[in-house]
Amino acid sequence: MLARVEAFVRATETMRRSREDALLEDETGLYTSRGLLLRLREVVADAARRRQPLACVVFTPDAAPESRPDGETLARLGAAFRRAGRDSDVLGRLSQDEFVVVAPATGEAGARRLAERLTGVLAADLELLGVRLRTGFTAVEDASETRLDEAELLARTSGRTRDGNGSGAQH
């Protein structure tokens, strides 16, 4: 009996570590926060090398803390983002209830259009799930002219959705 319990504990620990090390979520196919940082390091470096614009748009369900969407709703929302995103976009979940889209070769105007387009494409899913989204974005016109790294890009953009103004900025 003790041997079975020990085997179960080891297996559980292995599964937990495996989930923490994963780059993609199983249920949505979106990047995990760890995978997102690794992928963005490449995308930001490429945009800087090519002197191209880069945009980051964060989407957060707009709900009071006591009525936050549950795990199943968030997983369905994540899957909807995956269906709605473009092949060139980097799609991930920044936290339990923050979804991020990083769009290479996209400046400020493109970031605004991206936020509007995704919200429009997701409208049916959002209505079905009873969720509204707040958005915020950060856009740079030439990634080589900024010292913005991937972690700072995500933190700045995430802060724009939390402060409630839904605005973005060009840096």
C-alpha atoms as a PDB file:
ATOM      1  CA  MET A   1       0.000   0.000   0.000  1.00  0.00           C
ATOM      2  CA  LEU A   2       2.821   2.406   0.922  1.00  0.00           C
ATOM      3  CA  ALA A   3       4.560   1.681  -2.395  1.00  0.00           C
ATOM      4  CA  ARG A   4       1.353   2.533  -4.302  1.00  0.00           C
ATOM      5  CA  VAL A   5       0.947   5.820  -2.436  1.00  0.00           C
ATOM      6  CA  GLU A   6       4.578   6.765  -3.106  1.00  0.00           C
ATOM      7  CA  ALA A   7       4.172   5.928  -6.814  1.00  0.00           C
ATOM      8  CA  PHE A   8       1.016   8.061  -6.939  1.00  0.00           C
ATOM      9  CA  VAL A   9       2.785  11.001  -5.240  1.00  0.00           C
ATOM     10  CA  ARG A  10       5.727  10.760  -7.694  1.00  0.00           C
ATOM     11  CA  ALA A  11       3.371  10.605 -10.681  1.00  0.00           C
ATOM     12  CA  THR A  12       1.399  13.592  -9.418  1.00  0.00           C
ATOM     13  CA  GLU A  13       4.593  15.613  -8.918  1.00  0.00           C
ATOM     14  CA  THR A  14       5.821  14.675 -12.412  1.00  0.00           C
ATOM     15  CA  MET A  15       2.508  15.808 -13.938  1.00  0.00           C
ATOM     16  CA  ARG A  16       2.609  19.102 -12.006  1.00  0.00           C
ATOM     17  CA  ARG A  17       6.165  19.827 -13.176  1.00  0.00           C
ATOM     18  CA  SER A  18       5.249  18.905 -16.725  1.00  0.00           C
ATOM     19  CA  ARG A  19       2.328  21.375 -16.710  1.00  0.00           C
ATOM     20  CA  GLU A  20       4.549  24.129 -15.284  1.00  0.00           C
ATOM     21  CA  ASP A  21       7.188  23.528 -17.960  1.00  0.00           C
ATOM     22  CA  ALA A  22       4.674  23.381 -20.823  1.00  0.00           C
ATOM     23  CA  LEU A  23       4.848  26.083 -23.459  1.00  0.00           C
ATOM     24  CA  LEU A  24       1.271  25.568 -24.707  1.00  0.00           C
ATOM     25  CA  GLU A  25      -1.970  25.003 -22.839  1.00  0.00           C
ATOM     26  CA  ASP A  26      -3.618  21.680 -23.611  1.00  0.00           C
ATOM     27  CA  GLU A  27      -7.198  22.944 -23.647  1.00  0.00           C
ATOM     28  CA  THR A  28      -6.740  26.057 -25.820  1.00  0.00           C
ATOM     29  CA  GLY A  29      -3.489  25.674 -27.736  1.00  0.00           C
ATOM     30  CA  LEU A  30      -2.471  29.160 -26.543  1.00  0.00           C
ATOM     31  CA  TYR A  31       0.988  29.883 -25.188  1.00  0.00           C
ATOM     32  CA  THR A  32       1.370  29.671 -21.424  1.00  0.00           C
ATOM     33  CA  SER A  33       2.976  32.670 -19.718  1.00  0.00           C
ATOM     34  CA  ARG A  34       6.326  30.828 -19.827  1.00  0.00           C
ATOM     35  CA  GLY A  35       5.915  29.911 -23.499  1.00  0.00           C
ATOM     36  CA  LEU A  36       4.762  33.432 -24.269  1.00  0.00           C
ATOM     37  CA  LEU A  37       7.907  34.993 -22.813  1.00  0.00           C
ATOM     38  CA  LEU A  38      10.143  32.592 -24.720  1.00  0.00           C
ATOM     39  CA  ARG A  39       8.322  33.183 -28.033  1.00  0.00           C
ATOM     40  CA  LEU A  40       8.199  36.955 -27.535  1.00  0.00           C
ATOM     41  CA  ARG A  41      11.941  37.091 -26.976  1.00  0.00           C
ATOM     42  CA  GLU A  42      12.289  35.827 -30.565  1.00  0.00           C
ATOM     43  CA  VAL A  43       9.554  38.087 -31.982  1.00  0.00           C
ATOM     44  CA  VAL A  44      10.859  41.259 -30.300  1.00  0.00           C
ATOM     45  CA  ALA A  45      14.440  40.519 -31.418  1.00  0.00           C
ATOM     46  CA  ASP A  46      13.290  39.874 -34.994  1.00  0.00           C
ATOM     47  CA  ALA A  47      11.234  43.076 -35.102  1.00  0.00           C
ATOM     48  CA  ALA A  48      14.206  45.068 -33.766  1.00  0.00           C
ATOM     49  CA  ARG A  49      16.598  43.512 -36.274  1.00  0.00           C
ATOM     50  CA  ARG A  50      14.227  44.302 -39.145  1.00  0.00           C
ATOM     51  CA  ARG A  51      13.361  47.763 -37.742  1.00  0.00           C
ATOM     52  CA  GLN A  52       9.666  46.821 -37.934  1.00  0.00           C
ATOM     53  CA  PRO A  53       6.665  47.829 -35.866  1.00  0.00           C
ATOM     54  CA  LEU A  54       5.300  45.546 -33.180  1.00  0.00           C
ATOM     55  CA  ALA A  55       1.996  45.590 -31.308  1.00  0.00           C
ATOM     56  CA  CYS A  56       0.798  43.860 -28.179  1.00  0.00           C
ATOM     57  CA  VAL A  57      -2.922  43.761 -27.350  1.00  0.00           C
ATOM     58  CA  VAL A  58      -4.244  42.387 -24.055  1.00  0.00           C
ATOM     59  CA  PHE A  59      -7.864  41.332 -23.593  1.00  0.00           C
ATOM     60  CA  THR A  60      -9.355  40.980 -20.112  1.00  0.00           C
ATOM     61  CA  PRO A  61     -12.893  39.866 -19.283  1.00  0.00           C
ATOM     62  CA  ASP A  62     -14.746  42.841 -17.820  1.00  0.00           C
ATOM     63  CA  ALA A  63     -16.431  41.514 -14.710  1.00  0.00           C
ATOM     64  CA  ALA A  64     -16.694  42.313 -11.046  1.00  0.00           C
ATOM     65  CA  PRO A  65     -14.337  40.167  -8.920  1.00  0.00           C
ATOM     66  CA  GLU A  66     -17.249  38.170  -7.507  1.00  0.00           C
ATOM     67  CA  SER A  67     -18.609  37.362 -10.985  1.00  0.00           C
ATOM     68  CA  ARG A  68     -15.364  36.528 -12.769  1.00  0.00           C
ATOM     69  CA  PRO A  69     -15.677  33.903 -15.516  1.00  0.00           C
ATOM     70  CA  ASP A  70     -15.019  30.342 -14.352  1.00  0.00           C
ATOM     71  CA  GLY A  71     -12.268  28.066 -15.652  1.00  0.00           C
ATOM     72  CA  GLU A  72     -14.451  26.429 -18.292  1.00  0.00           C
ATOM     73  CA  THR A  73     -15.562  29.817 -19.658  1.00  0.00           C
ATOM     74  CA  LEU A  74     -11.967  31.039 -19.777  1.00  0.00           C
ATOM     75  CA  ALA A  75     -10.872  27.864 -21.582  1.00  0.00           C
ATOM     76  CA  ARG A  76     -13.675  28.338 -24.152  1.00  0.00           C
ATOM     77  CA  LEU A  77     -12.691  31.974 -24.565  1.00  0.00           C
ATOM     78  CA  GLY A  78      -9.070  30.939 -25.095  1.00  0.00           C
ATOM     79  CA  ALA A  79     -10.126  28.460 -27.757  1.00  0.00           C
ATOM     80  CA  ALA A  80     -12.141  31.214 -29.454  1.00  0.00           C
ATOM     81  CA  PHE A  81      -9.037  33.443 -29.534  1.00  0.00           C
ATOM     82  CA  ARG A  82      -7.110  30.633 -31.170  1.00  0.00           C
ATOM     83  CA  ARG A  83      -9.747  30.288 -33.869  1.00  0.00           C
ATOM     84  CA  ALA A  84      -9.906  34.055 -34.445  1.00  0.00           C
ATOM     85  CA  GLY A  85      -6.162  34.809 -34.474  1.00  0.00           C
ATOM     86  CA  ARG A  86      -3.969  35.090 -37.539  1.00  0.00           C
ATOM     87  CA  ASP A  87      -1.131  32.669 -38.244  1.00  0.00           C
ATOM     88  CA  SER A  88       1.414  35.462 -37.751  1.00  0.00           C
ATOM     89  CA  ASP A  89       0.038  36.443 -34.318  1.00  0.00           C
ATOM     90  CA  VAL A  90       1.476  35.140 -31.075  1.00  0.00           C
ATOM     91  CA  LEU A  91      -1.520  34.133 -28.956  1.00  0.00           C
ATOM     92  CA  GLY A  92      -1.243  33.390 -25.275  1.00  0.00           C
ATOM     93  CA  ARG A  93      -2.734  33.593 -21.849  1.00  0.00           C
ATOM     94  CA  LEU A  94      -0.810  36.038 -19.713  1.00  0.00           C
ATOM     95  CA  SER A  95      -2.659  35.080 -16.557  1.00  0.00           C
ATOM     96  CA  GLN A  96      -5.814  33.176 -15.675  1.00  0.00           C
ATOM     97  CA  ASP A  97      -8.027  35.898 -17.144  1.00  0.00           C
ATOM     98  CA  GLU A  98      -5.736  37.905 -19.460  1.00  0.00           C
ATOM     99  CA  PHE A  99      -5.343  36.932 -23.088  1.00  0.00           C
ATOM    100  CA  VAL A 100      -2.610  38.482 -25.202  1.00  0.00           C
ATOM    101  CA  VAL A 101      -2.063  38.840 -28.923  1.00  0.00           C
ATOM    102  CA  VAL A 102       1.312  40.049 -30.167  1.00  0.00           C
ATOM    103  CA  ALA A 103       1.266  41.114 -33.800  1.00  0.00           C
ATOM    104  CA  PRO A 104       4.570  41.441 -35.650  1.00  0.00           C
ATOM    105  CA  ALA A 105       4.804  44.171 -38.321  1.00  0.00           C
ATOM    106  CA  THR A 106       1.822  45.970 -36.757  1.00  0.00           C
ATOM    107  CA  GLY A 107       1.898  49.585 -35.576  1.00  0.00           C
ATOM    108  CA  GLU A 108      -0.549  51.664 -33.538  1.00  0.00           C
ATOM    109  CA  ALA A 109      -3.297  51.876 -36.165  1.00  0.00           C
ATOM    110  CA  GLY A 110      -2.997  48.143 -36.789  1.00  0.00           C
ATOM    111  CA  ALA A 111      -3.188  47.431 -33.050  1.00  0.00           C
ATOM    112  CA  ARG A 112      -6.459  49.355 -32.822  1.00  0.00           C
ATOM    113  CA  ARG A 113      -7.852  47.473 -35.831  1.00  0.00           C
ATOM    114  CA  LEU A 114      -6.651  44.168 -34.395  1.00  0.00           C
ATOM    115  CA  ALA A 115      -8.455  44.811 -31.093  1.00  0.00           C
ATOM    116  CA  GLU A 116     -11.649  45.793 -32.926  1.00  0.00           C
ATOM    117  CA  ARG A 117     -11.419  42.870 -35.359  1.00  0.00           C
ATOM    118  CA  LEU A 118     -10.855  40.240 -32.671  1.00  0.00           C
ATOM    119  CA  THR A 119     -13.606  41.651 -30.475  1.00  0.00           C
ATOM    120  CA  GLY A 120     -15.927  41.592 -33.503  1.00  0.00           C
ATOM    121  CA  VAL A 121     -14.952  38.048 -34.510  1.00  0.00           C
ATOM    122  CA  LEU A 122     -15.414  36.904 -30.917  1.00  0.00           C
ATOM    123  CA  ALA A 123     -18.744  38.742 -30.470  1.00  0.00           C
ATOM    124  CA  ALA A 124     -20.896  35.625 -30.751  1.00  0.00           C
ATOM    125  CA  ASP A 125     -18.662  33.653 -28.368  1.00  0.00           C
ATOM    126  CA  LEU A 126     -18.565  36.564 -25.931  1.00  0.00           C
ATOM    127  CA  GLU A 127     -22.352  36.955 -25.937  1.00  0.00           C
ATOM    128  CA  LEU A 128     -22.842  33.219 -25.493  1.00  0.00           C
ATOM    129  CA  LEU A 129     -20.401  33.232 -22.566  1.00  0.00           C
ATOM    130  CA  GLY A 130     -21.872  36.433 -21.089  1.00  0.00           C
ATOM    131  CA  VAL A 131     -18.491  38.171 -21.170  1.00  0.00           C
ATOM    132  CA  ARG A 132     -17.388  41.625 -22.254  1.00  0.00           C
ATOM    133  CA  LEU A 133     -13.720  42.339 -22.917  1.00  0.00           C
ATOM    134  CA  ARG A 134     -11.576  45.280 -21.964  1.00  0.00           C
ATOM    135  CA  THR A 135      -8.588  45.864 -24.200  1.00  0.00           C
ATOM    136  CA  GLY A 136      -5.327  47.713 -23.950  1.00  0.00           C
ATOM    137  CA  PHE A 137      -2.388  47.858 -26.286  1.00  0.00           C
ATOM    138  CA  THR A 138       1.176  48.948 -26.698  1.00  0.00           C
ATOM    139  CA  ALA A 139       2.624  49.587 -30.144  1.00  0.00           C
ATOM    140  CA  VAL A 140       6.062  50.559 -31.348  1.00  0.00           C
ATOM    141  CA  GLU A 141       6.663  51.819 -34.871  1.00  0.00           C
ATOM    142  CA  ASP A 142      10.306  50.700 -34.951  1.00  0.00           C
ATOM    143  CA  ALA A 143      11.252  48.036 -32.450  1.00  0.00           C
ATOM    144  CA  SER A 144      14.956  48.843 -32.887  1.00  0.00           C
ATOM    145  CA  GLU A 145      14.464  52.332 -31.438  1.00  0.00           C
ATOM    146  CA  THR A 146      13.126  51.145 -28.116  1.00  0.00           C
ATOM    147  CA  ARG A 147      14.699  49.171 -25.314  1.00  0.00           C
ATOM    148  CA  LEU A 148      11.383  47.479 -24.601  1.00  0.00           C
ATOM    149  CA  ASP A 149      11.909  43.809 -23.780  1.00  0.00           C
ATOM    150  CA  GLU A 150       9.245  41.105 -23.845  1.00  0.00           C
ATOM    151  CA  ALA A 151       8.459  41.216 -20.110  1.00  0.00           C
ATOM    152  CA  GLU A 152       8.119  44.998 -20.092  1.00  0.00           C
ATOM    153  CA  LEU A 153       5.955  44.903 -23.226  1.00  0.00           C
ATOM    154  CA  LEU A 154       3.546  42.503 -21.539  1.00  0.00           C
ATOM    155  CA  ALA A 155       3.557  44.371 -18.216  1.00  0.00           C
ATOM    156  CA  ARG A 156       2.859  47.749 -19.839  1.00  0.00           C
ATOM    157  CA  THR A 157       0.066  46.404 -21.970  1.00  0.00           C
ATOM    158  CA  SER A 158      -1.505  44.435 -19.136  1.00  0.00           C
ATOM    159  CA  GLY A 159      -1.523  47.589 -16.999  1.00  0.00           C
ATOM    160  CA  ARG A 160      -3.484  49.412 -19.669  1.00  0.00           C
ATOM    161  CA  THR A 161      -6.400  46.996 -19.354  1.00  0.00           C
ATOM    162  CA  ARG A 162      -6.330  47.072 -15.540  1.00  0.00           C
ATOM    163  CA  ASP A 163      -6.491  50.849 -15.276  1.00  0.00           C
ATOM    164  CA  GLY A 164      -9.822  50.702 -17.050  1.00  0.00           C
ATOM    165  CA  ASN A 165      -9.126  53.226 -19.780  1.00  0.00           C
ATOM    166  CA  GLY A 166      -8.793  50.631 -22.541  1.00  0.00           C
ATOM    167  CA  SER A 167      -6.332  52.879 -24.311  1.00  0.00           C
ATOM    168  CA  GLY A 168      -3.045  52.150 -25.863  1.00  0.00           C
ATOM    169  CA  ALA A 169       0.079  54.027 -26.559  1.00  0.00           C
ATOM    170  CA  GLN A 170       2.773  54.232 -29.103  1.00  0.00           C
ATOM    171  CA  HIS A 171       6.330  54.100 -27.782  1.00  0.00           C
END
